[in-house]
Amino acid sequence: MLGLIGGGLAADVWRQQEKKSLMAQLQQEQLATAGAERARMDEIQSKLARAEKELTQLRAQVVAERDLRHRYEDLVAKRRK
């Protein structure tokens, strides 16, 4: 009888320790995942900032080329008259 009670208590202690170990492992994995997610977010934001800068430059280039084309068309139209 005492053996069964002692064995039951030992098994309970062992399960609690195993549970604590698994919880600690889960927390470490969550922290690692969160860190990886933050790093990925930073990388994506950096790429987005570069893309926005490039887009702004391309828009300025398009405006400049459009102005140049309009001037050229105006010049050609004046020469035809």
PDB file of N, CA and C in Angstrom:
ATOM      1  N   MET A   1       0.815  -1.188   0.000  1.00  0.00           N
ATOM      2  CA  MET A   1       0.000   0.000   0.000  1.00  0.00           C
ATOM      3  C   MET A   1       0.866   1.261   0.000  1.00  0.00           C
ATOM      4  N   LEU A   2       1.845   1.275   0.910  1.00  0.00           N
ATOM      5  CA  LEU A   2       2.756   2.419   0.973  1.00  0.00           C
ATOM      6  C   LEU A   2       3.540   2.566  -0.337  1.00  0.00           C
ATOM      7  N   GLY A   3       3.870   1.462  -0.942  1.00  0.00           N
ATOM      8  CA  GLY A   3       4.596   1.477  -2.217  1.00  0.00           C
ATOM      9  C   GLY A   3       3.777   2.128  -3.313  1.00  0.00           C
ATOM     10  N   LEU A   4       2.481   1.835  -3.332  1.00  0.00           N
ATOM     11  CA  LEU A   4       1.616   2.444  -4.340  1.00  0.00           C
ATOM     12  C   LEU A   4       1.473   3.943  -4.121  1.00  0.00           C
ATOM     13  N   ILE A   5       1.326   4.336  -2.873  1.00  0.00           N
ATOM     14  CA  ILE A   5       1.208   5.767  -2.552  1.00  0.00           C
ATOM     15  C   ILE A   5       2.519   6.477  -2.889  1.00  0.00           C
ATOM     16  N   GLY A   6       3.641   5.892  -2.496  1.00  0.00           N
ATOM     17  CA  GLY A   6       4.955   6.477  -2.783  1.00  0.00           C
ATOM     18  C   GLY A   6       5.206   6.556  -4.278  1.00  0.00           C
ATOM     19  N   GLY A   7       4.839   5.510  -4.998  1.00  0.00           N
ATOM     20  CA  GLY A   7       5.004   5.497  -6.457  1.00  0.00           C
ATOM     21  C   GLY A   7       4.123   6.535  -7.115  1.00  0.00           C
ATOM     22  N   GLY A   8       2.899   6.683  -6.616  1.00  0.00           N
ATOM     23  CA  GLY A   8       1.995   7.695  -7.156  1.00  0.00           C
ATOM     24  C   GLY A   8       2.528   9.095  -6.931  1.00  0.00           C
ATOM     25  N   LEU A   9       3.051   9.355  -5.741  1.00  0.00           N
ATOM     26  CA  LEU A   9       3.628  10.674  -5.439  1.00  0.00           C
ATOM     27  C   LEU A   9       4.860  10.936  -6.303  1.00  0.00           C
ATOM     28  N   ALA A  10       5.681   9.928  -6.471  1.00  0.00           N
ATOM     29  CA  ALA A  10       6.881  10.084  -7.301  1.00  0.00           C
ATOM     30  C   ALA A  10       6.499  10.365  -8.753  1.00  0.00           C
ATOM     31  N   ALA A  11       5.491   9.662  -9.249  1.00  0.00           N
ATOM     32  CA  ALA A  11       5.039   9.889 -10.621  1.00  0.00           C
ATOM     33  C   ALA A  11       4.466  11.293 -10.771  1.00  0.00           C
ATOM     34  N   ASP A  12       3.753  11.760  -9.757  1.00  0.00           N
ATOM     35  CA  ASP A  12       3.182  13.108  -9.792  1.00  0.00           C
ATOM     36  C   ASP A  12       4.282  14.162  -9.815  1.00  0.00           C
ATOM     37  N   VAL A  13       5.298  13.978  -8.988  1.00  0.00           N
ATOM     38  CA  VAL A  13       6.435  14.920  -8.960  1.00  0.00           C
ATOM     39  C   VAL A  13       7.140  14.902 -10.308  1.00  0.00           C
ATOM     40  N   TRP A  14       7.340  13.701 -10.860  1.00  0.00           N
ATOM     41  CA  TRP A  14       8.009  13.585 -12.152  1.00  0.00           C
ATOM     42  C   TRP A  14       7.207  14.297 -13.243  1.00  0.00           C
ATOM     43  N   ARG A  15       5.857  14.138 -13.256  1.00  0.00           N
ATOM     44  CA  ARG A  15       5.010  14.816 -14.248  1.00  0.00           C
ATOM     45  C   ARG A  15       5.080  16.333 -14.101  1.00  0.00           C
ATOM     46  N   GLN A  16       5.091  16.806 -12.861  1.00  0.00           N
ATOM     47  CA  GLN A  16       5.174  18.261 -12.640  1.00  0.00           C
ATOM     48  C   GLN A  16       6.502  18.815 -13.158  1.00  0.00           C
ATOM     49  N   GLN A  17       7.586  18.086 -12.914  1.00  0.00           N
ATOM     50  CA  GLN A  17       8.892  18.531 -13.406  1.00  0.00           C
ATOM     51  C   GLN A  17       8.920  18.493 -14.936  1.00  0.00           C
ATOM     52  N   GLU A  18       8.340  17.465 -15.505  1.00  0.00           N
ATOM     53  CA  GLU A  18       8.286  17.363 -16.962  1.00  0.00           C
ATOM     54  C   GLU A  18       7.453  18.510 -17.541  1.00  0.00           C
ATOM     55  N   LYS A  19       6.366  18.821 -16.891  1.00  0.00           N
ATOM     56  CA  LYS A  19       5.498  19.927 -17.333  1.00  0.00           C
ATOM     57  C   LYS A  19       6.247  21.257 -17.270  1.00  0.00           C
ATOM     58  N   LYS A  20       6.975  21.490 -16.173  1.00  0.00           N
ATOM     59  CA  LYS A  20       7.757  22.722 -16.046  1.00  0.00           C
ATOM     60  C   LYS A  20       8.817  22.799 -17.132  1.00  0.00           C
ATOM     61  N   SER A  21       9.453  21.672 -17.416  1.00  0.00           N
ATOM     62  CA  SER A  21      10.482  21.627 -18.453  1.00  0.00           C
ATOM     63  C   SER A  21       9.876  21.938 -19.819  1.00  0.00           C
ATOM     64  N   LEU A  22       8.729  21.352 -20.110  1.00  0.00           N
ATOM     65  CA  LEU A  22       8.072  21.609 -21.390  1.00  0.00           C
ATOM     66  C   LEU A  22       7.616  23.059 -21.496  1.00  0.00           C
ATOM     67  N   MET A  23       7.118  23.627 -20.405  1.00  0.00           N
ATOM     68  CA  MET A  23       6.682  25.026 -20.407  1.00  0.00           C
ATOM     69  C   MET A  23       7.878  25.959 -20.661  1.00  0.00           C
ATOM     70  N   ALA A  24       9.006  25.661 -20.029  1.00  0.00           N
ATOM     71  CA  ALA A  24      10.205  26.476 -20.233  1.00  0.00           C
ATOM     72  C   ALA A  24      10.675  26.383 -21.685  1.00  0.00           C
ATOM     73  N   GLN A  25      10.630  25.181 -22.231  1.00  0.00           N
ATOM     74  CA  GLN A  25      11.029  24.982 -23.629  1.00  0.00           C
ATOM     75  C   GLN A  25      10.090  25.735 -24.560  1.00  0.00           C
ATOM     76  N   LEU A  26       8.799  25.677 -24.286  1.00  0.00           N
ATOM     77  CA  LEU A  26       7.813  26.389 -25.098  1.00  0.00           C
ATOM     78  C   LEU A  26       8.044  27.893 -25.043  1.00  0.00           C
ATOM     79  N   GLN A  27       8.330  28.424 -23.874  1.00  0.00           N
ATOM     80  CA  GLN A  27       8.597  29.861 -23.739  1.00  0.00           C
ATOM     81  C   GLN A  27       9.836  30.260 -24.522  1.00  0.00           C
ATOM     82  N   GLN A  28      10.870  29.426 -24.477  1.00  0.00           N
ATOM     83  CA  GLN A  28      12.082  29.726 -25.237  1.00  0.00           C
ATOM     84  C   GLN A  28      11.803  29.714 -26.736  1.00  0.00           C
ATOM     85  N   GLU A  29      11.014  28.759 -27.182  1.00  0.00           N
ATOM     86  CA  GLU A  29      10.670  28.698 -28.601  1.00  0.00           C
ATOM     87  C   GLU A  29       9.823  29.900 -29.008  1.00  0.00           C
ATOM     88  N   GLN A  30       8.916  30.339 -28.141  1.00  0.00           N
ATOM     89  CA  GLN A  30       8.106  31.512 -28.430  1.00  0.00           C
ATOM     90  C   GLN A  30       8.965  32.766 -28.521  1.00  0.00           C
ATOM     91  N   LEU A  31       9.933  32.888 -27.622  1.00  0.00           N
ATOM     92  CA  LEU A  31      10.838  34.037 -27.669  1.00  0.00           C
ATOM     93  C   LEU A  31      11.670  34.025 -28.951  1.00  0.00           C
ATOM     94  N   ALA A  32      12.144  32.839 -29.328  1.00  0.00           N
ATOM     95  CA  ALA A  32      12.939  32.732 -30.559  1.00  0.00           C
ATOM     96  C   ALA A  32      12.081  33.082 -31.770  1.00  0.00           C
ATOM     97  N   THR A  33      10.846  32.598 -31.779  1.00  0.00           N
ATOM     98  CA  THR A  33       9.936  32.887 -32.887  1.00  0.00           C
ATOM     99  C   THR A  33       9.630  34.379 -32.948  1.00  0.00           C
ATOM    100  N   ALA A  34       9.386  34.976 -31.791  1.00  0.00           N
ATOM    101  CA  ALA A  34       9.105  36.416 -31.748  1.00  0.00           C
ATOM    102  C   ALA A  34      10.304  37.213 -32.257  1.00  0.00           C
ATOM    103  N   GLY A  35      11.498  36.798 -31.881  1.00  0.00           N
ATOM    104  CA  GLY A  35      12.701  37.476 -32.360  1.00  0.00           C
ATOM    105  C   GLY A  35      12.852  37.355 -33.865  1.00  0.00           C
ATOM    106  N   ALA A  36      12.573  36.165 -34.376  1.00  0.00           N
ATOM    107  CA  ALA A  36      12.666  35.960 -35.823  1.00  0.00           C
ATOM    108  C   ALA A  36      11.610  36.787 -36.549  1.00  0.00           C
ATOM    109  N   GLU A  37      10.427  36.862 -35.971  1.00  0.00           N
ATOM    110  CA  GLU A  37       9.364  37.669 -36.585  1.00  0.00           C
ATOM    111  C   GLU A  37       9.739  39.145 -36.594  1.00  0.00           C
ATOM    112  N   ARG A  38      10.315  39.625 -35.502  1.00  0.00           N
ATOM    113  CA  ARG A  38      10.755  41.024 -35.454  1.00  0.00           C
ATOM    114  C   ARG A  38      11.829  41.302 -36.497  1.00  0.00           C
ATOM    115  N   ALA A  39      12.771  40.382 -36.627  1.00  0.00           N
ATOM    116  CA  ALA A  39      13.835  40.550 -37.615  1.00  0.00           C
ATOM    117  C   ALA A  39      13.244  40.575 -39.027  1.00  0.00           C
ATOM    118  N   ARG A  40      12.286  39.701 -39.287  1.00  0.00           N
ATOM    119  CA  ARG A  40      11.633  39.662 -40.606  1.00  0.00           C
ATOM    120  C   ARG A  40      10.861  40.945 -40.868  1.00  0.00           C
ATOM    121  N   MET A  41      10.167  41.443 -39.837  1.00  0.00           N
ATOM    122  CA  MET A  41       9.426  42.699 -39.983  1.00  0.00           C
ATOM    123  C   MET A  41      10.381  43.860 -40.284  1.00  0.00           C
ATOM    124  N   ASP A  42      11.502  43.898 -39.579  1.00  0.00           N
ATOM    125  CA  ASP A  42      12.490  44.953 -39.836  1.00  0.00           C
ATOM    126  C   ASP A  42      13.005  44.873 -41.261  1.00  0.00           C
ATOM    127  N   GLU A  43      13.262  43.654 -41.724  1.00  0.00           N
ATOM    128  CA  GLU A  43      13.750  43.460 -43.093  1.00  0.00           C
ATOM    129  C   GLU A  43      12.700  43.928 -44.108  1.00  0.00           C
ATOM    130  N   ILE A  44      11.448  43.574 -43.868  1.00  0.00           N
ATOM    131  CA  ILE A  44      10.375  43.966 -44.780  1.00  0.00           C
ATOM    132  C   ILE A  44      10.201  45.479 -44.780  1.00  0.00           C
ATOM    133  N   GLN A  45      10.255  46.099 -43.596  1.00  0.00           N
ATOM    134  CA  GLN A  45      10.118  47.558 -43.527  1.00  0.00           C
ATOM    135  C   GLN A  45      11.272  48.249 -44.232  1.00  0.00           C
ATOM    136  N   SER A  46      12.458  47.691 -44.119  1.00  0.00           N
ATOM    137  CA  SER A  46      13.613  48.254 -44.805  1.00  0.00           C
ATOM    138  C   SER A  46      13.437  48.167 -46.323  1.00  0.00           C
ATOM    139  N   LYS A  47      12.973  47.019 -46.801  1.00  0.00           N
ATOM    140  CA  LYS A  47      12.733  46.861 -48.237  1.00  0.00           C
ATOM    141  C   LYS A  47      11.642  47.812 -48.711  1.00  0.00           C
ATOM    142  N   LEU A  48      10.616  47.987 -47.894  1.00  0.00           N
ATOM    143  CA  LEU A  48       9.524  48.892 -48.240  1.00  0.00           C
ATOM    144  C   LEU A  48      10.024  50.333 -48.319  1.00  0.00           C
ATOM    145  N   ALA A  49      10.864  50.736 -47.384  1.00  0.00           N
ATOM    146  CA  ALA A  49      11.409  52.091 -47.412  1.00  0.00           C
ATOM    147  C   ALA A  49      12.249  52.310 -48.671  1.00  0.00           C
ATOM    148  N   ARG A  50      13.064  51.309 -49.031  1.00  0.00           N
ATOM    149  CA  ARG A  50      13.876  51.427 -50.248  1.00  0.00           C
ATOM    150  C   ARG A  50      12.981  51.496 -51.486  1.00  0.00           C
ATOM    151  N   ALA A  51      11.928  50.683 -51.503  1.00  0.00           N
ATOM    152  CA  ALA A  51      11.015  50.680 -52.647  1.00  0.00           C
ATOM    153  C   ALA A  51      10.286  52.017 -52.761  1.00  0.00           C
ATOM    154  N   GLU A  52       9.888  52.584 -51.634  1.00  0.00           N
ATOM    155  CA  GLU A  52       9.215  53.889 -51.662  1.00  0.00           C
ATOM    156  C   GLU A  52      10.155  54.978 -52.165  1.00  0.00           C
ATOM    157  N   LYS A  53      11.411  54.914 -51.745  1.00  0.00           N
ATOM    158  CA  LYS A  53      12.391  55.891 -52.212  1.00  0.00           C
ATOM    159  C   LYS A  53      12.603  55.749 -53.720  1.00  0.00           C
ATOM    160  N   GLU A  54      12.731  54.512 -54.188  1.00  0.00           N
ATOM    161  CA  GLU A  54      12.917  54.272 -55.620  1.00  0.00           C
ATOM    162  C   GLU A  54      11.692  54.733 -56.406  1.00  0.00           C
ATOM    163  N   LEU A  55      10.504  54.492 -55.866  1.00  0.00           N
ATOM    164  CA  LEU A  55       9.274  54.920 -56.522  1.00  0.00           C
ATOM    165  C   LEU A  55       9.226  56.442 -56.635  1.00  0.00           C
ATOM    166  N   THR A  56       9.613  57.128 -55.589  1.00  0.00           N
ATOM    167  CA  THR A  56       9.644  58.594 -55.624  1.00  0.00           C
ATOM    168  C   THR A  56      10.609  59.085 -56.701  1.00  0.00           C
ATOM    169  N   GLN A  57      11.774  58.455 -56.785  1.00  0.00           N
ATOM    170  CA  GLN A  57      12.753  58.838 -57.804  1.00  0.00           C
ATOM    171  C   GLN A  57      12.215  58.567 -59.209  1.00  0.00           C
ATOM    172  N   LEU A  58      11.568  57.425 -59.381  1.00  0.00           N
ATOM    173  CA  LEU A  58      11.022  57.093 -60.698  1.00  0.00           C
ATOM    174  C   LEU A  58       9.905  58.050 -61.089  1.00  0.00           C
ATOM    175  N   ARG A  59       9.086  58.437 -60.125  1.00  0.00           N
ATOM    176  CA  ARG A  59       8.022  59.402 -60.422  1.00  0.00           C
ATOM    177  C   ARG A  59       8.618  60.735 -60.856  1.00  0.00           C
ATOM    178  N   ALA A  60       9.663  61.175 -60.159  1.00  0.00           N
ATOM    179  CA  ALA A  60      10.322  62.428 -60.535  1.00  0.00           C
ATOM    180  C   ALA A  60      10.913  62.311 -61.938  1.00  0.00           C
ATOM    181  N   GLN A  61      11.479  61.161 -62.242  1.00  0.00           N
ATOM    182  CA  GLN A  61      12.052  60.946 -63.572  1.00  0.00           C
ATOM    183  C   GLN A  61      10.959  60.976 -64.637  1.00  0.00           C
ATOM    184  N   VAL A  62       9.814  60.365 -64.368  1.00  0.00           N
ATOM    185  CA  VAL A  62       8.697  60.365 -65.321  1.00  0.00           C
ATOM    186  C   VAL A  62       8.205  61.782 -65.557  1.00  0.00           C
ATOM    187  N   VAL A  63       8.094  62.573 -64.497  1.00  0.00           N
ATOM    188  CA  VAL A  63       7.644  63.961 -64.636  1.00  0.00           C
ATOM    189  C   VAL A  63       8.638  64.748 -65.487  1.00  0.00           C
ATOM    190  N   ALA A  64       9.925  64.554 -65.235  1.00  0.00           N
ATOM    191  CA  ALA A  64      10.941  65.266 -66.007  1.00  0.00           C
ATOM    192  C   ALA A  64      10.894  64.865 -67.476  1.00  0.00           C
ATOM    193  N   GLU A  65      10.742  63.569 -67.728  1.00  0.00           N
ATOM    194  CA  GLU A  65      10.668  63.112 -69.120  1.00  0.00           C
ATOM    195  C   GLU A  65       9.398  63.606 -69.806  1.00  0.00           C
ATOM    196  N   ARG A  66       8.296  63.675 -69.071  1.00  0.00           N
ATOM    197  CA  ARG A  66       7.047  64.177 -69.640  1.00  0.00           C
ATOM    198  C   ARG A  66       7.189  65.665 -69.998  1.00  0.00           C
ATOM    199  N   ASP A  67       7.808  66.423 -69.092  1.00  0.00           N
ATOM    200  CA  ASP A  67       8.035  67.841 -69.384  1.00  0.00           C
ATOM    201  C   ASP A  67       8.916  68.016 -70.620  1.00  0.00           C
ATOM    202  N   LEU A  68       9.952  67.219 -70.701  1.00  0.00           N
ATOM    203  CA  LEU A  68      10.856  67.295 -71.846  1.00  0.00           C
ATOM    204  C   LEU A  68      10.112  66.943 -73.136  1.00  0.00           C
ATOM    205  N   ARG A  69       9.282  65.903 -73.093  1.00  0.00           N
ATOM    206  CA  ARG A  69       8.510  65.515 -74.263  1.00  0.00           C
ATOM    207  C   ARG A  69       7.542  66.622 -74.682  1.00  0.00           C
ATOM    208  N   HIS A  70       6.899  67.269 -73.706  1.00  0.00           N
ATOM    209  CA  HIS A  70       5.978  68.369 -74.026  1.00  0.00           C
ATOM    210  C   HIS A  70       6.724  69.542 -74.667  1.00  0.00           C
ATOM    211  N   ARG A  71       7.891  69.845 -74.138  1.00  0.00           N
ATOM    212  CA  ARG A  71       8.681  70.931 -74.724  1.00  0.00           C
ATOM    213  C   ARG A  71       9.072  70.590 -76.159  1.00  0.00           C
ATOM    214  N   TYR A  72       9.477  69.338 -76.362  1.00  0.00           N
ATOM    215  CA  TYR A  72       9.861  68.895 -77.701  1.00  0.00           C
ATOM    216  C   TYR A  72       8.664  68.972 -78.648  1.00  0.00           C
ATOM    217  N   GLU A  73       7.510  68.514 -78.179  1.00  0.00           N
ATOM    218  CA  GLU A  73       6.314  68.565 -79.025  1.00  0.00           C
ATOM    219  C   GLU A  73       5.931  70.007 -79.338  1.00  0.00           C
ATOM    220  N   ASP A  74       6.052  70.891 -78.364  1.00  0.00           N
ATOM    221  CA  ASP A  74       5.764  72.310 -78.597  1.00  0.00           C
ATOM    222  C   ASP A  74       6.719  72.892 -79.630  1.00  0.00           C
ATOM    223  N   LEU A  75       7.995  72.541 -79.506  1.00  0.00           N
ATOM    224  CA  LEU A  75       9.003  73.035 -80.444  1.00  0.00           C
ATOM    225  C   LEU A  75       8.707  72.530 -81.855  1.00  0.00           C
ATOM    226  N   VAL A  76       8.373  71.276 -81.993  1.00  0.00           N
ATOM    227  CA  VAL A  76       8.057  70.706 -83.304  1.00  0.00           C
ATOM    228  C   VAL A  76       6.817  71.376 -83.852  1.00  0.00           C
ATOM    229  N   ALA A  77       5.824  71.612 -83.017  1.00  0.00           N
ATOM    230  CA  ALA A  77       4.571  72.255 -83.478  1.00  0.00           C
ATOM    231  C   ALA A  77       4.854  73.674 -83.939  1.00  0.00           C
ATOM    232  N   LYS A  78       5.727  74.412 -83.272  1.00  0.00           N
ATOM    233  CA  LYS A  78       6.045  75.796 -83.667  1.00  0.00           C
ATOM    234  C   LYS A  78       6.798  75.816 -84.999  1.00  0.00           C
ATOM    235  N   ARG A  79       7.652  74.857 -85.236  1.00  0.00           N
ATOM    236  CA  ARG A  79       8.398  74.812 -86.484  1.00  0.00           C
ATOM    237  C   ARG A  79       7.516  74.469 -87.671  1.00  0.00           C
ATOM    238  N   ARG A  80       6.449  73.726 -87.408  1.00  0.00           N
ATOM    239  CA  ARG A  80       5.536  73.348 -88.485  1.00  0.00           C
ATOM    240  C   ARG A  80       4.694  74.532 -88.923  1.00  0.00           C
ATOM    241  N   LYS A  81       4.508  75.487 -88.065  1.00  0.00           N
ATOM    242  CA  LYS A  81       3.656  76.636 -88.405  1.00  0.00           C
ATOM    243  C   LYS A  81       4.334  77.575 -89.309  1.00  0.00           C
TER     244      LYS A  81
END
